[in-house]
Amino acid sequence: MKTGLFYFFVIFVLLGVSTTSCNRNSKGSCCADSCCADAKADVLLKDYGAEPTVLDIDAYAMSNDNFRTALWTGTKLQVTLMSIPVGGDVGLEQHPDTDQFLRIEDGQASVMMGDTKESLTFTQTAEKDFAIIVPAGKWHNIVNTGDKPLKLYSIYSPVEHPHGTVHKTQEEAEEAEHHH
């Protein structure tokens, strides 16, 4: 019975609490919309490193206008924020030794995965509050199919990008990957 309650609690925290996180800013006052100005004013986009950190992930994701911003880089895990323009994509990629978790905070997308870059046999639509889990070794891409920027965050394990990574555009990210 205790195990069942524990799993219920974990699911409640992951799905329930995070969907309401932007209804309040860090001062506890209510926001009128999902991207309120008060919550944005408290956001400092930087890599918080391997320090204990508590923040409103929704407010940070919604405030990020860069293609990629490293938010927290530890020794075994990394959190990045992404903003994908209308019609844009994350870019077809594969992480041979890295599992990846992504959560869409705003927008809608087409998610594709497969064993080779020529055969993305898994295709699914995802939108606000959806989680995407990419196993290590899977080729994948996420395309913004909506009418506004796709706002998401990604968790890598192990770390995928250097501490402090900021790529303003996809082109900048691709150039950095060639040198990384």
N, C-alpha and C. Protein backbone atom coordinates (compact mmCIF):
# COMPACT_ATOMS: atom_id res chain seq x y z
N MET A 1 0.82 -1.20 0.00
CA MET A 1 0.00 0.00 0.00
C MET A 1 0.86 1.27 0.00
N LYS A 2 1.95 1.27 0.78
CA LYS A 2 2.82 2.44 0.83
C LYS A 2 3.44 2.71 -0.54
N THR A 3 3.82 1.67 -1.26
CA THR A 3 4.41 1.84 -2.59
C THR A 3 3.42 2.49 -3.54
N GLY A 4 2.17 2.05 -3.50
CA GLY A 4 1.14 2.64 -4.35
C GLY A 4 0.92 4.11 -4.07
N LEU A 5 0.92 4.48 -2.78
CA LEU A 5 0.76 5.89 -2.42
C LEU A 5 1.96 6.71 -2.87
N PHE A 6 3.15 6.14 -2.77
CA PHE A 6 4.35 6.84 -3.22
C PHE A 6 4.26 7.14 -4.71
N TYR A 7 3.90 6.14 -5.54
CA TYR A 7 3.80 6.35 -6.98
C TYR A 7 2.70 7.35 -7.32
N PHE A 8 1.59 7.31 -6.59
CA PHE A 8 0.53 8.29 -6.80
C PHE A 8 1.05 9.69 -6.53
N PHE A 9 1.81 9.85 -5.43
CA PHE A 9 2.37 11.15 -5.07
C PHE A 9 3.32 11.65 -6.16
N VAL A 10 4.20 10.77 -6.66
CA VAL A 10 5.15 11.16 -7.71
C VAL A 10 4.40 11.61 -8.96
N ILE A 11 3.39 10.86 -9.36
CA ILE A 11 2.61 11.22 -10.55
C ILE A 11 1.88 12.54 -10.32
N PHE A 12 1.32 12.73 -9.13
CA PHE A 12 0.64 13.98 -8.80
C PHE A 12 1.59 15.16 -8.91
N VAL A 13 2.78 15.01 -8.36
CA VAL A 13 3.76 16.11 -8.41
C VAL A 13 4.17 16.40 -9.84
N LEU A 14 4.50 15.36 -10.61
CA LEU A 14 4.97 15.58 -11.98
C LEU A 14 3.89 16.14 -12.89
N LEU A 15 2.68 15.69 -12.76
CA LEU A 15 1.62 16.12 -13.67
C LEU A 15 0.75 17.23 -13.11
N GLY A 16 0.37 17.13 -11.87
CA GLY A 16 -0.59 18.07 -11.30
C GLY A 16 -0.01 19.40 -10.91
N VAL A 17 1.00 19.40 -10.10
CA VAL A 17 1.54 20.64 -9.57
C VAL A 17 2.18 21.48 -10.67
N SER A 18 2.93 20.85 -11.58
CA SER A 18 3.64 21.63 -12.59
C SER A 18 2.70 22.32 -13.56
N THR A 19 1.49 21.82 -13.75
CA THR A 19 0.57 22.47 -14.68
C THR A 19 -0.02 23.73 -14.10
N THR A 20 0.09 23.92 -12.77
CA THR A 20 -0.46 25.12 -12.16
C THR A 20 0.63 26.08 -11.71
N SER A 21 1.88 25.77 -12.00
CA SER A 21 2.99 26.53 -11.44
C SER A 21 3.00 27.99 -11.88
N CYS A 22 2.53 28.31 -13.05
CA CYS A 22 2.61 29.71 -13.48
C CYS A 22 1.36 30.50 -13.10
N ASN A 23 0.46 29.89 -12.37
CA ASN A 23 -0.70 30.64 -11.90
C ASN A 23 -0.32 31.53 -10.71
N ARG A 24 0.89 31.33 -10.18
CA ARG A 24 1.39 32.16 -9.09
C ARG A 24 2.83 32.53 -9.38
N ASN A 25 3.19 33.74 -9.01
CA ASN A 25 4.60 34.11 -9.18
C ASN A 25 5.36 33.79 -7.90
N SER A 26 6.64 34.11 -7.85
CA SER A 26 7.47 33.73 -6.70
C SER A 26 7.05 34.46 -5.42
N LYS A 27 6.30 35.53 -5.54
CA LYS A 27 5.81 36.24 -4.36
C LYS A 27 4.47 35.70 -3.89
N GLY A 28 3.92 34.71 -4.63
CA GLY A 28 2.67 34.08 -4.23
C GLY A 28 1.43 34.75 -4.77
N SER A 29 1.56 35.83 -5.51
CA SER A 29 0.37 36.48 -6.04
C SER A 29 -0.05 35.83 -7.35
N CYS A 30 -1.34 35.89 -7.65
CA CYS A 30 -1.87 35.21 -8.83
C CYS A 30 -1.55 35.97 -10.10
N CYS A 31 -1.35 35.21 -11.15
CA CYS A 31 -1.11 35.79 -12.47
C CYS A 31 -2.38 35.69 -13.29
N ALA A 32 -2.60 36.65 -14.16
CA ALA A 32 -3.79 36.65 -15.02
C ALA A 32 -3.65 35.66 -16.15
N ASP A 33 -2.44 35.43 -16.65
CA ASP A 33 -2.25 34.49 -17.74
C ASP A 33 -1.05 33.60 -17.46
N SER A 34 -0.75 32.66 -18.38
CA SER A 34 0.31 31.69 -18.14
C SER A 34 1.70 32.28 -18.25
N CYS A 35 1.82 33.51 -18.65
CA CYS A 35 3.14 34.12 -18.81
C CYS A 35 3.13 35.51 -18.21
N CYS A 36 2.82 35.60 -16.91
CA CYS A 36 2.61 36.92 -16.30
C CYS A 36 3.90 37.71 -16.14
N ALA A 37 3.79 39.01 -16.15
CA ALA A 37 4.93 39.91 -16.09
C ALA A 37 5.66 39.80 -14.76
N ASP A 38 4.93 39.62 -13.64
CA ASP A 38 5.58 39.53 -12.34
C ASP A 38 6.50 38.32 -12.27
N ALA A 39 6.06 37.17 -12.79
CA ALA A 39 6.90 35.97 -12.78
C ALA A 39 8.12 36.18 -13.67
N LYS A 40 7.94 36.82 -14.81
CA LYS A 40 9.07 37.07 -15.71
C LYS A 40 10.09 38.00 -15.07
N ALA A 41 9.63 38.96 -14.26
CA ALA A 41 10.54 39.91 -13.64
C ALA A 41 11.50 39.21 -12.67
N ASP A 42 11.09 38.08 -12.10
CA ASP A 42 11.91 37.36 -11.13
C ASP A 42 12.86 36.36 -11.79
N VAL A 43 12.77 36.19 -13.10
CA VAL A 43 13.56 35.20 -13.81
C VAL A 43 14.94 35.75 -14.17
N LEU A 44 15.99 35.00 -13.81
CA LEU A 44 17.34 35.32 -14.22
C LEU A 44 17.85 34.12 -15.01
N LEU A 45 17.90 34.27 -16.34
CA LEU A 45 18.32 33.18 -17.20
C LEU A 45 19.84 33.04 -17.15
N LYS A 46 20.30 31.99 -16.50
CA LYS A 46 21.72 31.69 -16.40
C LYS A 46 21.85 30.22 -16.04
N ASP A 47 23.05 29.69 -16.11
CA ASP A 47 23.31 28.32 -15.70
C ASP A 47 23.62 28.35 -14.21
N TYR A 48 22.75 27.76 -13.41
CA TYR A 48 22.90 27.78 -11.96
C TYR A 48 23.91 26.75 -11.47
N GLY A 49 24.55 26.04 -12.41
CA GLY A 49 25.61 25.11 -12.04
C GLY A 49 25.13 23.98 -11.16
N ALA A 50 26.01 23.42 -10.44
CA ALA A 50 25.68 22.28 -9.59
C ALA A 50 25.33 22.74 -8.17
N GLU A 51 24.61 23.84 -8.08
CA GLU A 51 24.18 24.38 -6.79
C GLU A 51 22.73 23.98 -6.53
N PRO A 52 22.35 23.82 -5.26
CA PRO A 52 20.94 23.56 -4.96
C PRO A 52 20.10 24.69 -5.55
N THR A 53 19.04 24.33 -6.26
CA THR A 53 18.24 25.33 -6.98
C THR A 53 16.77 24.96 -6.92
N VAL A 54 15.94 25.94 -6.65
CA VAL A 54 14.48 25.80 -6.71
C VAL A 54 13.97 26.98 -7.53
N LEU A 55 13.20 26.70 -8.57
CA LEU A 55 12.67 27.77 -9.41
C LEU A 55 11.37 27.34 -10.08
N ASP A 56 10.66 28.29 -10.59
CA ASP A 56 9.41 28.05 -11.30
C ASP A 56 9.77 27.72 -12.75
N ILE A 57 9.86 26.45 -13.09
CA ILE A 57 10.33 26.02 -14.41
C ILE A 57 9.45 26.57 -15.53
N ASP A 58 8.17 26.70 -15.28
CA ASP A 58 7.27 27.25 -16.29
C ASP A 58 7.63 28.69 -16.60
N ALA A 59 7.86 29.51 -15.56
CA ALA A 59 8.22 30.92 -15.77
C ALA A 59 9.54 31.03 -16.51
N TYR A 60 10.50 30.17 -16.17
CA TYR A 60 11.79 30.20 -16.86
C TYR A 60 11.64 29.78 -18.32
N ALA A 61 10.92 28.71 -18.57
CA ALA A 61 10.72 28.26 -19.96
C ALA A 61 10.01 29.32 -20.78
N MET A 62 9.00 29.94 -20.21
CA MET A 62 8.24 30.95 -20.95
C MET A 62 9.06 32.22 -21.16
N SER A 63 10.01 32.52 -20.29
CA SER A 63 10.84 33.72 -20.42
C SER A 63 11.98 33.54 -21.42
N ASN A 64 12.35 32.31 -21.70
CA ASN A 64 13.48 32.06 -22.58
C ASN A 64 13.10 32.28 -24.04
N ASP A 65 13.83 33.15 -24.73
CA ASP A 65 13.61 33.36 -26.17
C ASP A 65 14.77 32.83 -27.00
N ASN A 66 15.77 32.24 -26.34
CA ASN A 66 16.90 31.64 -27.06
C ASN A 66 16.52 30.25 -27.56
N PHE A 67 17.17 29.83 -28.62
CA PHE A 67 16.97 28.46 -29.10
C PHE A 67 17.30 27.48 -27.98
N ARG A 68 18.43 27.70 -27.30
CA ARG A 68 18.82 26.84 -26.18
C ARG A 68 19.53 27.65 -25.12
N THR A 69 19.14 27.45 -23.87
CA THR A 69 19.81 28.07 -22.72
C THR A 69 20.00 27.00 -21.66
N ALA A 70 21.25 26.75 -21.27
CA ALA A 70 21.51 25.82 -20.16
C ALA A 70 21.07 26.51 -18.87
N LEU A 71 20.19 25.85 -18.12
CA LEU A 71 19.66 26.42 -16.89
C LEU A 71 20.35 25.84 -15.66
N TRP A 72 20.70 24.56 -15.73
CA TRP A 72 21.35 23.90 -14.59
C TRP A 72 22.21 22.78 -15.13
N THR A 73 23.51 22.82 -14.83
CA THR A 73 24.43 21.79 -15.29
C THR A 73 25.15 21.20 -14.10
N GLY A 74 24.85 19.93 -13.82
CA GLY A 74 25.54 19.21 -12.75
C GLY A 74 26.56 18.27 -13.35
N THR A 75 26.96 17.29 -12.57
CA THR A 75 27.94 16.33 -13.06
C THR A 75 27.27 15.18 -13.82
N LYS A 76 26.00 14.90 -13.52
CA LYS A 76 25.31 13.76 -14.14
C LYS A 76 23.98 14.11 -14.79
N LEU A 77 23.57 15.37 -14.70
CA LEU A 77 22.26 15.77 -15.20
C LEU A 77 22.33 17.23 -15.64
N GLN A 78 21.53 17.57 -16.66
CA GLN A 78 21.49 18.95 -17.15
C GLN A 78 20.06 19.32 -17.53
N VAL A 79 19.68 20.56 -17.23
CA VAL A 79 18.38 21.11 -17.64
C VAL A 79 18.64 22.26 -18.60
N THR A 80 18.02 22.20 -19.78
CA THR A 80 18.11 23.30 -20.74
C THR A 80 16.71 23.79 -21.08
N LEU A 81 16.61 25.05 -21.46
CA LEU A 81 15.37 25.65 -21.94
C LEU A 81 15.50 25.82 -23.44
N MET A 82 14.37 25.66 -24.16
CA MET A 82 14.40 25.86 -25.61
C MET A 82 13.18 26.66 -26.04
N SER A 83 13.38 27.48 -27.07
CA SER A 83 12.30 28.21 -27.72
C SER A 83 12.46 27.97 -29.22
N ILE A 84 11.50 27.26 -29.80
CA ILE A 84 11.56 26.89 -31.21
C ILE A 84 10.57 27.76 -31.98
N PRO A 85 11.04 28.51 -32.97
CA PRO A 85 10.14 29.40 -33.71
C PRO A 85 9.09 28.63 -34.51
N VAL A 86 8.03 29.32 -34.88
CA VAL A 86 6.96 28.73 -35.70
C VAL A 86 7.58 28.11 -36.95
N GLY A 87 7.26 26.85 -37.20
CA GLY A 87 7.78 26.14 -38.36
C GLY A 87 9.19 25.60 -38.16
N GLY A 88 9.84 25.97 -37.07
CA GLY A 88 11.20 25.51 -36.80
C GLY A 88 11.21 24.14 -36.13
N ASP A 89 12.41 23.64 -35.90
CA ASP A 89 12.54 22.34 -35.25
C ASP A 89 13.76 22.31 -34.35
N VAL A 90 13.83 21.28 -33.53
CA VAL A 90 14.96 21.07 -32.64
C VAL A 90 16.17 20.69 -33.47
N GLY A 91 15.93 19.97 -34.55
CA GLY A 91 17.00 19.47 -35.41
C GLY A 91 17.15 17.97 -35.22
N LEU A 92 17.20 17.25 -36.32
CA LEU A 92 17.35 15.80 -36.27
C LEU A 92 18.67 15.46 -35.59
N GLU A 93 18.60 14.69 -34.52
CA GLU A 93 19.80 14.37 -33.75
C GLU A 93 19.67 13.03 -33.06
N GLN A 94 20.81 12.57 -32.56
CA GLN A 94 20.88 11.34 -31.80
C GLN A 94 21.89 11.55 -30.68
N HIS A 95 21.56 11.10 -29.49
CA HIS A 95 22.48 11.14 -28.35
C HIS A 95 22.79 9.69 -27.99
N PRO A 96 23.92 9.16 -28.45
CA PRO A 96 24.21 7.72 -28.27
C PRO A 96 24.18 7.24 -26.82
N ASP A 97 24.62 8.07 -25.86
CA ASP A 97 24.73 7.63 -24.48
C ASP A 97 23.90 8.46 -23.51
N THR A 98 22.97 9.24 -24.04
CA THR A 98 22.21 10.17 -23.20
C THR A 98 20.72 9.95 -23.34
N ASP A 99 20.04 9.71 -22.22
CA ASP A 99 18.58 9.71 -22.20
C ASP A 99 18.13 11.16 -22.08
N GLN A 100 16.95 11.45 -22.64
CA GLN A 100 16.47 12.83 -22.64
C GLN A 100 14.98 12.86 -22.30
N PHE A 101 14.61 13.80 -21.44
CA PHE A 101 13.23 14.07 -21.07
C PHE A 101 12.94 15.50 -21.49
N LEU A 102 11.85 15.72 -22.22
CA LEU A 102 11.44 17.07 -22.60
C LEU A 102 10.00 17.29 -22.16
N ARG A 103 9.67 18.51 -21.80
CA ARG A 103 8.30 18.85 -21.44
C ARG A 103 7.93 20.14 -22.15
N ILE A 104 6.80 20.11 -22.83
CA ILE A 104 6.31 21.29 -23.53
C ILE A 104 5.54 22.16 -22.54
N GLU A 105 5.97 23.39 -22.40
CA GLU A 105 5.30 24.35 -21.53
C GLU A 105 4.27 25.18 -22.30
N ASP A 106 4.49 25.37 -23.61
CA ASP A 106 3.53 26.12 -24.41
C ASP A 106 3.75 25.78 -25.88
N GLY A 107 2.65 25.66 -26.62
CA GLY A 107 2.73 25.40 -28.05
C GLY A 107 2.34 23.97 -28.40
N GLN A 108 2.55 23.63 -29.67
CA GLN A 108 2.26 22.27 -30.13
C GLN A 108 3.32 21.84 -31.13
N ALA A 109 3.50 20.51 -31.22
CA ALA A 109 4.61 20.00 -32.01
C ALA A 109 4.32 18.62 -32.57
N SER A 110 5.09 18.26 -33.56
CA SER A 110 5.12 16.90 -34.07
C SER A 110 6.43 16.29 -33.59
N VAL A 111 6.34 15.13 -32.94
CA VAL A 111 7.49 14.43 -32.38
C VAL A 111 7.76 13.21 -33.25
N MET A 112 9.02 13.05 -33.66
CA MET A 112 9.41 11.91 -34.50
C MET A 112 10.63 11.24 -33.90
N MET A 113 10.63 9.89 -33.89
CA MET A 113 11.78 9.13 -33.41
C MET A 113 11.92 7.86 -34.23
N GLY A 114 13.14 7.36 -34.28
CA GLY A 114 13.40 6.10 -34.97
C GLY A 114 14.82 5.61 -34.74
N ASP A 115 15.08 4.40 -35.25
CA ASP A 115 16.39 3.78 -35.06
C ASP A 115 17.44 4.33 -36.02
N THR A 116 17.00 4.91 -37.15
CA THR A 116 17.92 5.54 -38.08
C THR A 116 17.34 6.90 -38.46
N LYS A 117 18.20 7.79 -38.94
CA LYS A 117 17.70 9.12 -39.31
C LYS A 117 16.83 9.07 -40.56
N GLU A 118 16.94 8.01 -41.33
CA GLU A 118 16.11 7.85 -42.53
C GLU A 118 14.76 7.20 -42.23
N SER A 119 14.60 6.66 -41.03
CA SER A 119 13.38 5.91 -40.70
C SER A 119 12.86 6.31 -39.32
N LEU A 120 12.19 7.45 -39.28
CA LEU A 120 11.58 7.92 -38.04
C LEU A 120 10.17 7.35 -37.97
N THR A 121 10.06 6.13 -37.49
CA THR A 121 8.80 5.38 -37.54
C THR A 121 7.82 5.76 -36.43
N PHE A 122 8.30 6.41 -35.37
CA PHE A 122 7.44 6.86 -34.28
C PHE A 122 7.11 8.33 -34.53
N THR A 123 5.83 8.64 -34.69
CA THR A 123 5.39 10.01 -34.90
C THR A 123 4.17 10.26 -34.02
N GLN A 124 4.20 11.38 -33.29
CA GLN A 124 3.06 11.70 -32.43
C GLN A 124 2.97 13.21 -32.26
N THR A 125 1.76 13.70 -32.11
CA THR A 125 1.51 15.11 -31.83
C THR A 125 1.62 15.33 -30.33
N ALA A 126 2.22 16.44 -29.93
CA ALA A 126 2.34 16.79 -28.52
C ALA A 126 2.03 18.28 -28.37
N GLU A 127 1.59 18.65 -27.19
CA GLU A 127 1.24 20.05 -26.93
C GLU A 127 1.54 20.40 -25.47
N LYS A 128 1.14 21.59 -25.06
CA LYS A 128 1.35 22.09 -23.70
C LYS A 128 1.08 20.99 -22.68
N ASP A 129 2.02 20.84 -21.74
CA ASP A 129 1.96 19.89 -20.64
C ASP A 129 2.28 18.45 -21.03
N PHE A 130 2.67 18.19 -22.28
CA PHE A 130 3.07 16.84 -22.68
C PHE A 130 4.55 16.63 -22.38
N ALA A 131 4.89 15.40 -22.02
CA ALA A 131 6.27 14.99 -21.80
C ALA A 131 6.71 14.12 -22.97
N ILE A 132 7.95 14.26 -23.36
CA ILE A 132 8.55 13.48 -24.43
C ILE A 132 9.79 12.81 -23.84
N ILE A 133 9.89 11.51 -23.99
CA ILE A 133 11.03 10.78 -23.45
C ILE A 133 11.76 10.11 -24.60
N VAL A 134 13.04 10.46 -24.75
CA VAL A 134 13.86 9.96 -25.85
C VAL A 134 14.95 9.05 -25.27
N PRO A 135 14.87 7.75 -25.57
CA PRO A 135 15.91 6.84 -25.08
C PRO A 135 17.25 7.11 -25.77
N ALA A 136 18.33 6.86 -25.07
CA ALA A 136 19.67 7.00 -25.66
C ALA A 136 19.74 6.18 -26.94
N GLY A 137 20.35 6.75 -27.97
CA GLY A 137 20.53 6.05 -29.23
C GLY A 137 19.43 6.26 -30.26
N LYS A 138 18.28 6.84 -29.88
CA LYS A 138 17.19 7.07 -30.82
C LYS A 138 17.41 8.38 -31.58
N TRP A 139 17.24 8.33 -32.89
CA TRP A 139 17.21 9.55 -33.70
C TRP A 139 15.88 10.22 -33.40
N HIS A 140 15.88 11.54 -33.31
CA HIS A 140 14.64 12.25 -32.96
C HIS A 140 14.66 13.69 -33.48
N ASN A 141 13.46 14.22 -33.65
CA ASN A 141 13.28 15.62 -33.99
C ASN A 141 11.93 16.05 -33.46
N ILE A 142 11.82 17.32 -33.16
CA ILE A 142 10.57 17.92 -32.69
C ILE A 142 10.35 19.16 -33.53
N VAL A 143 9.21 19.22 -34.23
CA VAL A 143 8.89 20.31 -35.14
C VAL A 143 7.75 21.14 -34.55
N ASN A 144 7.92 22.45 -34.49
CA ASN A 144 6.86 23.35 -34.02
C ASN A 144 5.79 23.43 -35.11
N THR A 145 4.61 22.89 -34.82
CA THR A 145 3.50 22.91 -35.77
C THR A 145 2.44 23.95 -35.38
N GLY A 146 2.71 24.73 -34.37
CA GLY A 146 1.74 25.72 -33.89
C GLY A 146 1.93 27.08 -34.53
N ASP A 147 1.23 28.06 -33.96
CA ASP A 147 1.27 29.43 -34.49
C ASP A 147 1.98 30.41 -33.56
N LYS A 148 2.77 29.86 -32.62
CA LYS A 148 3.57 30.67 -31.70
C LYS A 148 4.81 29.87 -31.34
N PRO A 149 5.83 30.51 -30.74
CA PRO A 149 7.03 29.76 -30.38
C PRO A 149 6.71 28.58 -29.46
N LEU A 150 7.39 27.48 -29.71
CA LEU A 150 7.28 26.28 -28.88
C LEU A 150 8.23 26.45 -27.70
N LYS A 151 7.69 26.46 -26.49
CA LYS A 151 8.49 26.65 -25.28
C LYS A 151 8.58 25.30 -24.56
N LEU A 152 9.82 24.87 -24.30
CA LEU A 152 9.99 23.58 -23.63
C LEU A 152 11.26 23.59 -22.80
N TYR A 153 11.35 22.59 -21.94
CA TYR A 153 12.61 22.36 -21.25
C TYR A 153 13.01 20.92 -21.46
N SER A 154 14.30 20.68 -21.35
CA SER A 154 14.86 19.36 -21.60
C SER A 154 15.78 18.97 -20.45
N ILE A 155 15.71 17.72 -20.05
CA ILE A 155 16.60 17.18 -19.04
C ILE A 155 17.43 16.09 -19.69
N TYR A 156 18.74 16.23 -19.62
CA TYR A 156 19.68 15.26 -20.18
C TYR A 156 20.37 14.52 -19.04
N SER A 157 20.56 13.22 -19.23
CA SER A 157 21.37 12.45 -18.30
C SER A 157 22.13 11.40 -19.08
N PRO A 158 23.46 11.52 -19.13
CA PRO A 158 24.32 12.52 -18.52
C PRO A 158 24.26 13.86 -19.26
N VAL A 159 25.06 14.80 -18.81
CA VAL A 159 25.12 16.16 -19.36
C VAL A 159 25.44 16.12 -20.85
N GLU A 160 24.76 16.96 -21.64
CA GLU A 160 24.94 16.99 -23.09
C GLU A 160 25.70 18.21 -23.59
N HIS A 161 25.53 19.35 -22.94
CA HIS A 161 26.13 20.61 -23.41
C HIS A 161 27.06 21.19 -22.35
N PRO A 162 28.06 21.97 -22.76
CA PRO A 162 28.95 22.59 -21.77
C PRO A 162 28.20 23.54 -20.83
N HIS A 163 28.68 23.65 -19.60
CA HIS A 163 28.11 24.57 -18.62
C HIS A 163 28.01 25.97 -19.22
N GLY A 164 26.89 26.63 -19.00
CA GLY A 164 26.70 28.00 -19.47
C GLY A 164 26.30 28.15 -20.92
N THR A 165 25.98 27.05 -21.59
CA THR A 165 25.63 27.12 -23.01
C THR A 165 24.43 28.02 -23.24
N VAL A 166 24.58 28.94 -24.19
CA VAL A 166 23.47 29.76 -24.70
C VAL A 166 23.62 29.81 -26.21
N HIS A 167 22.61 29.31 -26.91
CA HIS A 167 22.56 29.41 -28.38
C HIS A 167 21.34 30.25 -28.72
N LYS A 168 21.55 31.44 -29.22
CA LYS A 168 20.43 32.32 -29.56
C LYS A 168 19.59 31.76 -30.71
N THR A 169 20.23 31.06 -31.66
CA THR A 169 19.52 30.53 -32.82
C THR A 169 19.92 29.07 -33.05
N GLN A 170 19.14 28.39 -33.87
CA GLN A 170 19.46 27.01 -34.23
C GLN A 170 20.77 26.96 -35.01
N GLU A 171 21.00 27.93 -35.87
CA GLU A 171 22.24 27.98 -36.64
C GLU A 171 23.45 28.08 -35.72
N GLU A 172 23.35 28.91 -34.68
CA GLU A 172 24.42 29.05 -33.71
C GLU A 172 24.65 27.72 -32.98
N ALA A 173 23.57 27.02 -32.65
CA ALA A 173 23.68 25.72 -31.98
C ALA A 173 24.36 24.69 -32.88
N GLU A 174 23.99 24.67 -34.16
CA GLU A 174 24.60 23.72 -35.10
C GLU A 174 26.08 24.00 -35.27
N GLU A 175 26.45 25.26 -35.34
CA GLU A 175 27.86 25.63 -35.46
C GLU A 175 28.64 25.18 -34.22
N ALA A 176 28.07 25.39 -33.05
CA ALA A 176 28.73 24.98 -31.80
C ALA A 176 28.88 23.46 -31.74
N GLU A 177 27.91 22.72 -32.22
CA GLU A 177 27.97 21.26 -32.20
C GLU A 177 29.10 20.74 -33.07
N HIS A 178 29.41 21.44 -34.16
CA HIS A 178 30.52 21.03 -35.02
C HIS A 178 31.87 21.19 -34.33
N HIS A 179 31.92 22.11 -33.36
CA HIS A 179 33.16 22.37 -32.62
C HIS A 179 33.20 21.66 -31.29
N HIS A 180 32.10 21.02 -30.91
CA HIS A 180 31.96 20.38 -29.58
C HIS A 180 32.25 18.92 -29.67
